[in-house]
Amino acid sequence: MKDRQTIMILVLGTTAAILATMLVVAMNSQPAYAGASVRSGDYIMVNASFSKLKDVVYVIDVSNRRMNVYVVNMSKKAVDLIDQVELDRVFATQ
């Protein structure tokens, strides 16, 4: 009986530690704010604030079901692709 109580206390303590860590991370993360979207043909473009100093542009290619994320690189005076997401994989139904 004592061993079961010890195991239960360890499981509950570990769960509480994981939840506390998740709460701290969630409270310290910076929110992203989306701006207005523009649709032209098969493309949808949305600008968003990534941080106080950086903005990103999401470009959704509707026909190919892909989203690209771009950020301005001021040092190179260019627009860099920072992520590419296949929307079929993200929104796949099981």
PDB file of N, CA and C in Angstrom:
ATOM      1  N   MET A   1       0.817  -1.190   0.000  1.00  0.00           N
ATOM      2  CA  MET A   1       0.000   0.000   0.000  1.00  0.00           C
ATOM      3  C   MET A   1       0.861   1.254   0.000  1.00  0.00           C
ATOM      4  N   LYS A   2       1.954   1.237   0.725  1.00  0.00           N
ATOM      5  CA  LYS A   2       2.855   2.386   0.816  1.00  0.00           C
ATOM      6  C   LYS A   2       3.519   2.666  -0.531  1.00  0.00           C
ATOM      7  N   ASP A   3       3.879   1.602  -1.281  1.00  0.00           N
ATOM      8  CA  ASP A   3       4.513   1.763  -2.587  1.00  0.00           C
ATOM      9  C   ASP A   3       3.565   2.424  -3.582  1.00  0.00           C
ATOM     10  N   ARG A   4       2.310   2.092  -3.555  1.00  0.00           N
ATOM     11  CA  ARG A   4       1.338   2.701  -4.470  1.00  0.00           C
ATOM     12  C   ARG A   4       1.176   4.182  -4.172  1.00  0.00           C
ATOM     13  N   GLN A   5       1.182   4.551  -2.898  1.00  0.00           N
ATOM     14  CA  GLN A   5       1.063   5.960  -2.526  1.00  0.00           C
ATOM     15  C   GLN A   5       2.298   6.740  -2.971  1.00  0.00           C
ATOM     16  N   THR A   6       3.461   6.130  -2.813  1.00  0.00           N
ATOM     17  CA  THR A   6       4.699   6.786  -3.229  1.00  0.00           C
ATOM     18  C   THR A   6       4.715   7.005  -4.736  1.00  0.00           C
ATOM     19  N   ILE A   7       4.309   6.000  -5.485  1.00  0.00           N
ATOM     20  CA  ILE A   7       4.263   6.118  -6.949  1.00  0.00           C
ATOM     21  C   ILE A   7       3.259   7.184  -7.354  1.00  0.00           C
ATOM     22  N   MET A   8       2.101   7.213  -6.705  1.00  0.00           N
ATOM     23  CA  MET A   8       1.078   8.207  -7.036  1.00  0.00           C
ATOM     24  C   MET A   8       1.573   9.620  -6.734  1.00  0.00           C
ATOM     25  N   ILE A   9       2.265   9.797  -5.621  1.00  0.00           N
ATOM     26  CA  ILE A   9       2.816  11.120  -5.278  1.00  0.00           C
ATOM     27  C   ILE A   9       3.859  11.546  -6.305  1.00  0.00           C
ATOM     28  N   LEU A  10       4.701  10.625  -6.761  1.00  0.00           N
ATOM     29  CA  LEU A  10       5.696  10.942  -7.778  1.00  0.00           C
ATOM     30  C   LEU A  10       5.044  11.333  -9.097  1.00  0.00           C
ATOM     31  N   VAL A  11       4.017  10.596  -9.501  1.00  0.00           N
ATOM     32  CA  VAL A  11       3.317  10.900 -10.758  1.00  0.00           C
ATOM     33  C   VAL A  11       2.646  12.269 -10.666  1.00  0.00           C
ATOM     34  N   LEU A  12       1.960  12.532  -9.568  1.00  0.00           N
ATOM     35  CA  LEU A  12       1.289  13.833  -9.413  1.00  0.00           C
ATOM     36  C   LEU A  12       2.293  14.976  -9.321  1.00  0.00           C
ATOM     37  N   GLY A  13       3.404  14.765  -8.652  1.00  0.00           N
ATOM     38  CA  GLY A  13       4.438  15.795  -8.569  1.00  0.00           C
ATOM     39  C   GLY A  13       5.054  16.105  -9.923  1.00  0.00           C
ATOM     40  N   THR A  14       5.330  15.056 -10.692  1.00  0.00           N
ATOM     41  CA  THR A  14       5.885  15.240 -12.033  1.00  0.00           C
ATOM     42  C   THR A  14       4.897  15.971 -12.932  1.00  0.00           C
ATOM     43  N   THR A  15       3.620  15.596 -12.864  1.00  0.00           N
ATOM     44  CA  THR A  15       2.594  16.262 -13.662  1.00  0.00           C
ATOM     45  C   THR A  15       2.486  17.737 -13.289  1.00  0.00           C
ATOM     46  N   ALA A  16       2.526  18.034 -12.000  1.00  0.00           N
ATOM     47  CA  ALA A  16       2.456  19.425 -11.557  1.00  0.00           C
ATOM     48  C   ALA A  16       3.663  20.224 -12.058  1.00  0.00           C
ATOM     49  N   ALA A  17       4.845  19.620 -12.045  1.00  0.00           N
ATOM     50  CA  ALA A  17       6.046  20.306 -12.532  1.00  0.00           C
ATOM     51  C   ALA A  17       5.949  20.586 -14.026  1.00  0.00           C
ATOM     52  N   ILE A  18       5.454  19.623 -14.790  1.00  0.00           N
ATOM     53  CA  ILE A  18       5.304  19.814 -16.245  1.00  0.00           C
ATOM     54  C   ILE A  18       4.294  20.919 -16.531  1.00  0.00           C
ATOM     55  N   LEU A  19       3.163  20.904 -15.840  1.00  0.00           N
ATOM     56  CA  LEU A  19       2.153  21.939 -16.059  1.00  0.00           C
ATOM     57  C   LEU A  19       2.666  23.323 -15.666  1.00  0.00           C
ATOM     58  N   ALA A  20       3.420  23.409 -14.574  1.00  0.00           N
ATOM     59  CA  ALA A  20       3.985  24.689 -14.160  1.00  0.00           C
ATOM     60  C   ALA A  20       4.966  25.217 -15.199  1.00  0.00           C
ATOM     61  N   THR A  21       5.789  24.330 -15.757  1.00  0.00           N
ATOM     62  CA  THR A  21       6.741  24.725 -16.804  1.00  0.00           C
ATOM     63  C   THR A  21       6.009  25.222 -18.038  1.00  0.00           C
ATOM     64  N   MET A  22       4.961  24.514 -18.440  1.00  0.00           N
ATOM     65  CA  MET A  22       4.177  24.934 -19.609  1.00  0.00           C
ATOM     66  C   MET A  22       3.530  26.296 -19.372  1.00  0.00           C
ATOM     67  N   LEU A  23       3.061  26.540 -18.167  1.00  0.00           N
ATOM     68  CA  LEU A  23       2.442  27.816 -17.838  1.00  0.00           C
ATOM     69  C   LEU A  23       3.453  28.955 -17.910  1.00  0.00           C
ATOM     70  N   VAL A  24       4.646  28.748 -17.383  1.00  0.00           N
ATOM     71  CA  VAL A  24       5.684  29.775 -17.418  1.00  0.00           C
ATOM     72  C   VAL A  24       6.081  30.086 -18.853  1.00  0.00           C
ATOM     73  N   VAL A  25       6.246  29.065 -19.675  1.00  0.00           N
ATOM     74  CA  VAL A  25       6.613  29.273 -21.082  1.00  0.00           C
ATOM     75  C   VAL A  25       5.503  30.012 -21.814  1.00  0.00           C
ATOM     76  N   ALA A  26       4.254  29.629 -21.582  1.00  0.00           N
ATOM     77  CA  ALA A  26       3.130  30.284 -22.262  1.00  0.00           C
ATOM     78  C   ALA A  26       3.000  31.745 -21.847  1.00  0.00           C
ATOM     79  N   MET A  27       3.262  32.054 -20.595  1.00  0.00           N
ATOM     80  CA  MET A  27       3.134  33.432 -20.127  1.00  0.00           C
ATOM     81  C   MET A  27       4.266  34.315 -20.627  1.00  0.00           C
ATOM     82  N   ASN A  28       5.429  33.736 -20.921  1.00  0.00           N
ATOM     83  CA  ASN A  28       6.578  34.520 -21.364  1.00  0.00           C
ATOM     84  C   ASN A  28       6.687  34.629 -22.880  1.00  0.00           C
ATOM     85  N   SER A  29       5.864  33.908 -23.620  1.00  0.00           N
ATOM     86  CA  SER A  29       5.951  33.974 -25.079  1.00  0.00           C
ATOM     87  C   SER A  29       5.316  35.269 -25.573  1.00  0.00           C
ATOM     88  N   GLN A  30       5.831  35.760 -26.684  1.00  0.00           N
ATOM     89  CA  GLN A  30       5.334  37.000 -27.246  1.00  0.00           C
ATOM     90  C   GLN A  30       4.212  36.701 -28.226  1.00  0.00           C
ATOM     91  N   PRO A  31       3.117  37.432 -28.135  1.00  0.00           N
ATOM     92  CA  PRO A  31       2.012  37.189 -29.059  1.00  0.00           C
ATOM     93  C   PRO A  31       2.332  37.729 -30.452  1.00  0.00           C
ATOM     94  N   ALA A  32       1.717  37.134 -31.451  1.00  0.00           N
ATOM     95  CA  ALA A  32       1.825  37.615 -32.826  1.00  0.00           C
ATOM     96  C   ALA A  32       0.489  38.247 -33.194  1.00  0.00           C
ATOM     97  N   TYR A  33       0.537  39.418 -33.799  1.00  0.00           N
ATOM     98  CA  TYR A  33      -0.673  40.124 -34.168  1.00  0.00           C
ATOM     99  C   TYR A  33      -0.788  40.178 -35.680  1.00  0.00           C
ATOM    100  N   ALA A  34      -1.901  39.682 -36.196  1.00  0.00           N
ATOM    101  CA  ALA A  34      -2.115  39.670 -37.636  1.00  0.00           C
ATOM    102  C   ALA A  34      -2.735  40.985 -38.074  1.00  0.00           C
ATOM    103  N   GLY A  35      -2.356  41.414 -39.254  1.00  0.00           N
ATOM    104  CA  GLY A  35      -2.916  42.624 -39.820  1.00  0.00           C
ATOM    105  C   GLY A  35      -3.977  42.273 -40.849  1.00  0.00           C
ATOM    106  N   ALA A  36      -4.174  43.162 -41.786  1.00  0.00           N
ATOM    107  CA  ALA A  36      -5.179  42.949 -42.821  1.00  0.00           C
ATOM    108  C   ALA A  36      -4.674  41.955 -43.852  1.00  0.00           C
ATOM    109  N   SER A  37      -5.597  41.238 -44.451  1.00  0.00           N
ATOM    110  CA  SER A  37      -5.215  40.289 -45.499  1.00  0.00           C
ATOM    111  C   SER A  37      -5.634  40.834 -46.856  1.00  0.00           C
ATOM    112  N   VAL A  38      -4.902  40.407 -47.867  1.00  0.00           N
ATOM    113  CA  VAL A  38      -5.176  40.809 -49.240  1.00  0.00           C
ATOM    114  C   VAL A  38      -5.215  39.553 -50.082  1.00  0.00           C
ATOM    115  N   ARG A  39      -6.242  39.424 -50.911  1.00  0.00           N
ATOM    116  CA  ARG A  39      -6.320  38.261 -51.800  1.00  0.00           C
ATOM    117  C   ARG A  39      -6.263  38.742 -53.242  1.00  0.00           C
ATOM    118  N   SER A  40      -5.380  38.089 -53.997  1.00  0.00           N
ATOM    119  CA  SER A  40      -5.250  38.394 -55.413  1.00  0.00           C
ATOM    120  C   SER A  40      -5.067  37.080 -56.154  1.00  0.00           C
ATOM    121  N   GLY A  41      -6.058  36.661 -56.885  1.00  0.00           N
ATOM    122  CA  GLY A  41      -5.977  35.396 -57.607  1.00  0.00           C
ATOM    123  C   GLY A  41      -5.880  34.230 -56.646  1.00  0.00           C
ATOM    124  N   ASP A  42      -4.832  33.428 -56.796  1.00  0.00           N
ATOM    125  CA  ASP A  42      -4.639  32.247 -55.965  1.00  0.00           C
ATOM    126  C   ASP A  42      -3.786  32.519 -54.732  1.00  0.00           C
ATOM    127  N   TYR A  43      -3.537  33.773 -54.402  1.00  0.00           N
ATOM    128  CA  TYR A  43      -2.665  34.102 -53.285  1.00  0.00           C
ATOM    129  C   TYR A  43      -3.400  34.948 -52.245  1.00  0.00           C
ATOM    130  N   ILE A  44      -3.128  34.643 -50.993  1.00  0.00           N
ATOM    131  CA  ILE A  44      -3.611  35.451 -49.874  1.00  0.00           C
ATOM    132  C   ILE A  44      -2.378  35.912 -49.108  1.00  0.00           C
ATOM    133  N   MET A  45      -2.282  37.212 -48.842  1.00  0.00           N
ATOM    134  CA  MET A  45      -1.138  37.752 -48.119  1.00  0.00           C
ATOM    135  C   MET A  45      -1.622  38.418 -46.838  1.00  0.00           C
ATOM    136  N   VAL A  46      -0.940  38.112 -45.735  1.00  0.00           N
ATOM    137  CA  VAL A  46      -1.276  38.684 -44.430  1.00  0.00           C
ATOM    138  C   VAL A  46       0.016  39.156 -43.773  1.00  0.00           C
ATOM    139  N   ASN A  47       0.016  40.398 -43.311  1.00  0.00           N
ATOM    140  CA  ASN A  47       1.176  40.874 -42.557  1.00  0.00           C
ATOM    141  C   ASN A  47       0.903  40.684 -41.070  1.00  0.00           C
ATOM    142  N   ALA A  48       1.957  40.471 -40.297  1.00  0.00           N
ATOM    143  CA  ALA A  48       1.812  40.245 -38.860  1.00  0.00           C
ATOM    144  C   ALA A  48       3.058  40.732 -38.133  1.00  0.00           C
ATOM    145  N   SER A  49       2.881  41.114 -36.883  1.00  0.00           N
ATOM    146  CA  SER A  49       4.005  41.501 -36.041  1.00  0.00           C
ATOM    147  C   SER A  49       4.569  40.262 -35.376  1.00  0.00           C
ATOM    148  N   PHE A  50       5.835  40.007 -35.610  1.00  0.00           N
ATOM    149  CA  PHE A  50       6.512  38.866 -34.998  1.00  0.00           C
ATOM    150  C   PHE A  50       7.089  39.263 -33.658  1.00  0.00           C
ATOM    151  N   SER A  51       7.571  40.468 -33.567  1.00  0.00           N
ATOM    152  CA  SER A  51       8.081  41.048 -32.331  1.00  0.00           C
ATOM    153  C   SER A  51       7.969  42.564 -32.489  1.00  0.00           C
ATOM    154  N   LYS A  52       8.452  43.289 -31.521  1.00  0.00           N
ATOM    155  CA  LYS A  52       8.370  44.746 -31.624  1.00  0.00           C
ATOM    156  C   LYS A  52       9.223  45.281 -32.760  1.00  0.00           C
ATOM    157  N   LEU A  53      10.258  44.538 -33.142  1.00  0.00           N
ATOM    158  CA  LEU A  53      11.174  45.014 -34.173  1.00  0.00           C
ATOM    159  C   LEU A  53      11.015  44.310 -35.514  1.00  0.00           C
ATOM    160  N   LYS A  54      10.255  43.222 -35.558  1.00  0.00           N
ATOM    161  CA  LYS A  54      10.154  42.466 -36.807  1.00  0.00           C
ATOM    162  C   LYS A  54       8.703  42.230 -37.193  1.00  0.00           C
ATOM    163  N   ASP A  55       8.454  42.377 -38.474  1.00  0.00           N
ATOM    164  CA  ASP A  55       7.173  42.019 -39.055  1.00  0.00           C
ATOM    165  C   ASP A  55       7.408  40.889 -40.046  1.00  0.00           C
ATOM    166  N   VAL A  56       6.406  40.068 -40.216  1.00  0.00           N
ATOM    167  CA  VAL A  56       6.488  38.981 -41.189  1.00  0.00           C
ATOM    168  C   VAL A  56       5.318  39.093 -42.145  1.00  0.00           C
ATOM    169  N   VAL A  57       5.461  38.455 -43.291  1.00  0.00           N
ATOM    170  CA  VAL A  57       4.385  38.382 -44.268  1.00  0.00           C
ATOM    171  C   VAL A  57       4.116  36.912 -44.548  1.00  0.00           C
ATOM    172  N   TYR A  58       2.858  36.519 -44.354  1.00  0.00           N
ATOM    173  CA  TYR A  58       2.425  35.165 -44.682  1.00  0.00           C
ATOM    174  C   TYR A  58       1.818  35.201 -46.069  1.00  0.00           C
ATOM    175  N   VAL A  59       2.303  34.355 -46.959  1.00  0.00           N
ATOM    176  CA  VAL A  59       1.763  34.258 -48.310  1.00  0.00           C
ATOM    177  C   VAL A  59       1.220  32.844 -48.479  1.00  0.00           C
ATOM    178  N   ILE A  60      -0.094  32.762 -48.685  1.00  0.00           N
ATOM    179  CA  ILE A  60      -0.746  31.465 -48.853  1.00  0.00           C
ATOM    180  C   ILE A  60      -1.033  31.264 -50.330  1.00  0.00           C
ATOM    181  N   ASP A  61      -0.470  30.204 -50.886  1.00  0.00           N
ATOM    182  CA  ASP A  61      -0.720  29.808 -52.270  1.00  0.00           C
ATOM    183  C   ASP A  61      -1.883  28.825 -52.228  1.00  0.00           C
ATOM    184  N   VAL A  62      -3.083  29.318 -52.581  1.00  0.00           N
ATOM    185  CA  VAL A  62      -4.295  28.513 -52.447  1.00  0.00           C
ATOM    186  C   VAL A  62      -4.271  27.310 -53.374  1.00  0.00           C
ATOM    187  N   SER A  63      -3.838  27.492 -54.609  1.00  0.00           N
ATOM    188  CA  SER A  63      -3.870  26.384 -55.571  1.00  0.00           C
ATOM    189  C   SER A  63      -2.895  25.263 -55.201  1.00  0.00           C
ATOM    190  N   ASN A  64      -1.737  25.600 -54.652  1.00  0.00           N
ATOM    191  CA  ASN A  64      -0.763  24.576 -54.247  1.00  0.00           C
ATOM    192  C   ASN A  64      -0.876  24.203 -52.778  1.00  0.00           C
ATOM    193  N   ARG A  65      -1.771  24.874 -52.038  1.00  0.00           N
ATOM    194  CA  ARG A  65      -2.025  24.595 -50.616  1.00  0.00           C
ATOM    195  C   ARG A  65      -0.733  24.644 -49.804  1.00  0.00           C
ATOM    196  N   ARG A  66      -0.044  25.772 -49.934  1.00  0.00           N
ATOM    197  CA  ARG A  66       1.235  25.979 -49.263  1.00  0.00           C
ATOM    198  C   ARG A  66       1.268  27.392 -48.683  1.00  0.00           C
ATOM    199  N   MET A  67       1.905  27.539 -47.519  1.00  0.00           N
ATOM    200  CA  MET A  67       2.073  28.851 -46.910  1.00  0.00           C
ATOM    201  C   MET A  67       3.561  29.125 -46.729  1.00  0.00           C
ATOM    202  N   ASN A  68       3.990  30.283 -47.196  1.00  0.00           N
ATOM    203  CA  ASN A  68       5.368  30.733 -47.020  1.00  0.00           C
ATOM    204  C   ASN A  68       5.371  31.903 -46.049  1.00  0.00           C
ATOM    205  N   VAL A  69       6.409  31.969 -45.221  1.00  0.00           N
ATOM    206  CA  VAL A  69       6.550  33.062 -44.265  1.00  0.00           C
ATOM    207  C   VAL A  69       7.839  33.808 -44.599  1.00  0.00           C
ATOM    208  N   TYR A  70       7.706  35.116 -44.804  1.00  0.00           N
ATOM    209  CA  TYR A  70       8.833  35.948 -45.198  1.00  0.00           C
ATOM    210  C   TYR A  70       9.093  37.015 -44.147  1.00  0.00           C
ATOM    211  N   VAL A  71      10.365  37.410 -44.013  1.00  0.00           N
ATOM    212  CA  VAL A  71      10.763  38.494 -43.122  1.00  0.00           C
ATOM    213  C   VAL A  71      11.761  39.380 -43.864  1.00  0.00           C
ATOM    214  N   VAL A  72      11.732  40.665 -43.558  1.00  0.00           N
ATOM    215  CA  VAL A  72      12.665  41.601 -44.187  1.00  0.00           C
ATOM    216  C   VAL A  72      14.007  41.506 -43.477  1.00  0.00           C
ATOM    217  N   ASN A  73      15.062  41.344 -44.272  1.00  0.00           N
ATOM    218  CA  ASN A  73      16.431  41.313 -43.757  1.00  0.00           C
ATOM    219  C   ASN A  73      17.068  42.653 -44.122  1.00  0.00           C
ATOM    220  N   MET A  74      17.098  43.563 -43.148  1.00  0.00           N
ATOM    221  CA  MET A  74      17.584  44.918 -43.419  1.00  0.00           C
ATOM    222  C   MET A  74      19.080  44.950 -43.740  1.00  0.00           C
ATOM    223  N   SER A  75      19.867  44.053 -43.152  1.00  0.00           N
ATOM    224  CA  SER A  75      21.311  44.072 -43.400  1.00  0.00           C
ATOM    225  C   SER A  75      21.629  43.690 -44.848  1.00  0.00           C
ATOM    226  N   LYS A  76      20.848  42.790 -45.437  1.00  0.00           N
ATOM    227  CA  LYS A  76      21.065  42.393 -46.834  1.00  0.00           C
ATOM    228  C   LYS A  76      20.150  43.143 -47.791  1.00  0.00           C
ATOM    229  N   LYS A  77      19.233  43.941 -47.213  1.00  0.00           N
ATOM    230  CA  LYS A  77      18.227  44.644 -48.011  1.00  0.00           C
ATOM    231  C   LYS A  77      17.496  43.666 -48.928  1.00  0.00           C
ATOM    232  N   ALA A  78      16.973  42.610 -48.279  1.00  0.00           N
ATOM    233  CA  ALA A  78      16.282  41.555 -49.010  1.00  0.00           C
ATOM    234  C   ALA A  78      15.133  41.023 -48.166  1.00  0.00           C
ATOM    235  N   VAL A  79      14.306  40.234 -48.805  1.00  0.00           N
ATOM    236  CA  VAL A  79      13.218  39.532 -48.120  1.00  0.00           C
ATOM    237  C   VAL A  79      13.599  38.066 -48.075  1.00  0.00           C
ATOM    238  N   ASP A  80      13.674  37.505 -46.858  1.00  0.00           N
ATOM    239  CA  ASP A  80      14.097  36.114 -46.681  1.00  0.00           C
ATOM    240  C   ASP A  80      12.904  35.220 -46.387  1.00  0.00           C
ATOM    241  N   LEU A  81      12.922  34.041 -46.972  1.00  0.00           N
ATOM    242  CA  LEU A  81      11.949  33.002 -46.657  1.00  0.00           C
ATOM    243  C   LEU A  81      12.395  32.330 -45.369  1.00  0.00           C
ATOM    244  N   ILE A  82      11.556  32.374 -44.325  1.00  0.00           N
ATOM    245  CA  ILE A  82      11.968  31.773 -43.054  1.00  0.00           C
ATOM    246  C   ILE A  82      11.237  30.467 -42.757  1.00  0.00           C
ATOM    247  N   ASP A  83      10.110  30.216 -43.436  1.00  0.00           N
ATOM    248  CA  ASP A  83       9.405  28.959 -43.208  1.00  0.00           C
ATOM    249  C   ASP A  83       8.485  28.679 -44.382  1.00  0.00           C
ATOM    250  N   GLN A  84       8.236  27.395 -44.601  1.00  0.00           N
ATOM    251  CA  GLN A  84       7.330  26.953 -45.654  1.00  0.00           C
ATOM    252  C   GLN A  84       6.521  25.795 -45.085  1.00  0.00           C
ATOM    253  N   VAL A  85       5.196  25.897 -45.197  1.00  0.00           N
ATOM    254  CA  VAL A  85       4.311  24.915 -44.574  1.00  0.00           C
ATOM    255  C   VAL A  85       3.387  24.329 -45.621  1.00  0.00           C
ATOM    256  N   GLU A  86       3.321  22.992 -45.671  1.00  0.00           N
ATOM    257  CA  GLU A  86       2.364  22.305 -46.529  1.00  0.00           C
ATOM    258  C   GLU A  86       1.037  22.252 -45.778  1.00  0.00           C
ATOM    259  N   LEU A  87       0.027  22.955 -46.279  1.00  0.00           N
ATOM    260  CA  LEU A  87      -1.232  23.058 -45.556  1.00  0.00           C
ATOM    261  C   LEU A  87      -1.993  21.737 -45.502  1.00  0.00           C
ATOM    262  N   ASP A  88      -1.809  20.877 -46.488  1.00  0.00           N
ATOM    263  CA  ASP A  88      -2.472  19.566 -46.443  1.00  0.00           C
ATOM    264  C   ASP A  88      -2.007  18.754 -45.241  1.00  0.00           C
ATOM    265  N   ARG A  89      -0.721  18.858 -44.898  1.00  0.00           N
ATOM    266  CA  ARG A  89      -0.218  18.127 -43.735  1.00  0.00           C
ATOM    267  C   ARG A  89      -0.717  18.731 -42.437  1.00  0.00           C
ATOM    268  N   VAL A  90      -0.771  20.059 -42.380  1.00  0.00           N
ATOM    269  CA  VAL A  90      -1.182  20.720 -41.149  1.00  0.00           C
ATOM    270  C   VAL A  90      -2.669  20.479 -40.860  1.00  0.00           C
ATOM    271  N   PHE A  91      -3.497  20.539 -41.898  1.00  0.00           N
ATOM    272  CA  PHE A  91      -4.934  20.415 -41.706  1.00  0.00           C
ATOM    273  C   PHE A  91      -5.460  19.048 -42.137  1.00  0.00           C
ATOM    274  N   ALA A  92      -4.625  18.050 -42.140  1.00  0.00           N
ATOM    275  CA  ALA A  92      -5.043  16.703 -42.521  1.00  0.00           C
ATOM    276  C   ALA A  92      -6.016  16.143 -41.498  1.00  0.00           C
ATOM    277  N   THR A  93      -7.041  15.477 -42.002  1.00  0.00           N
ATOM    278  CA  THR A  93      -7.985  14.808 -41.114  1.00  0.00           C
ATOM    279  C   THR A  93      -7.582  13.346 -40.989  1.00  0.00           C
ATOM    280  N   GLN A  94      -7.760  12.822 -39.827  1.00  0.00           N
ATOM    281  CA  GLN A  94      -7.340  11.433 -39.561  1.00  0.00           C
ATOM    282  C   GLN A  94      -8.358  10.457 -40.058  1.00  0.00           C
TER     283      GLN A  94
END
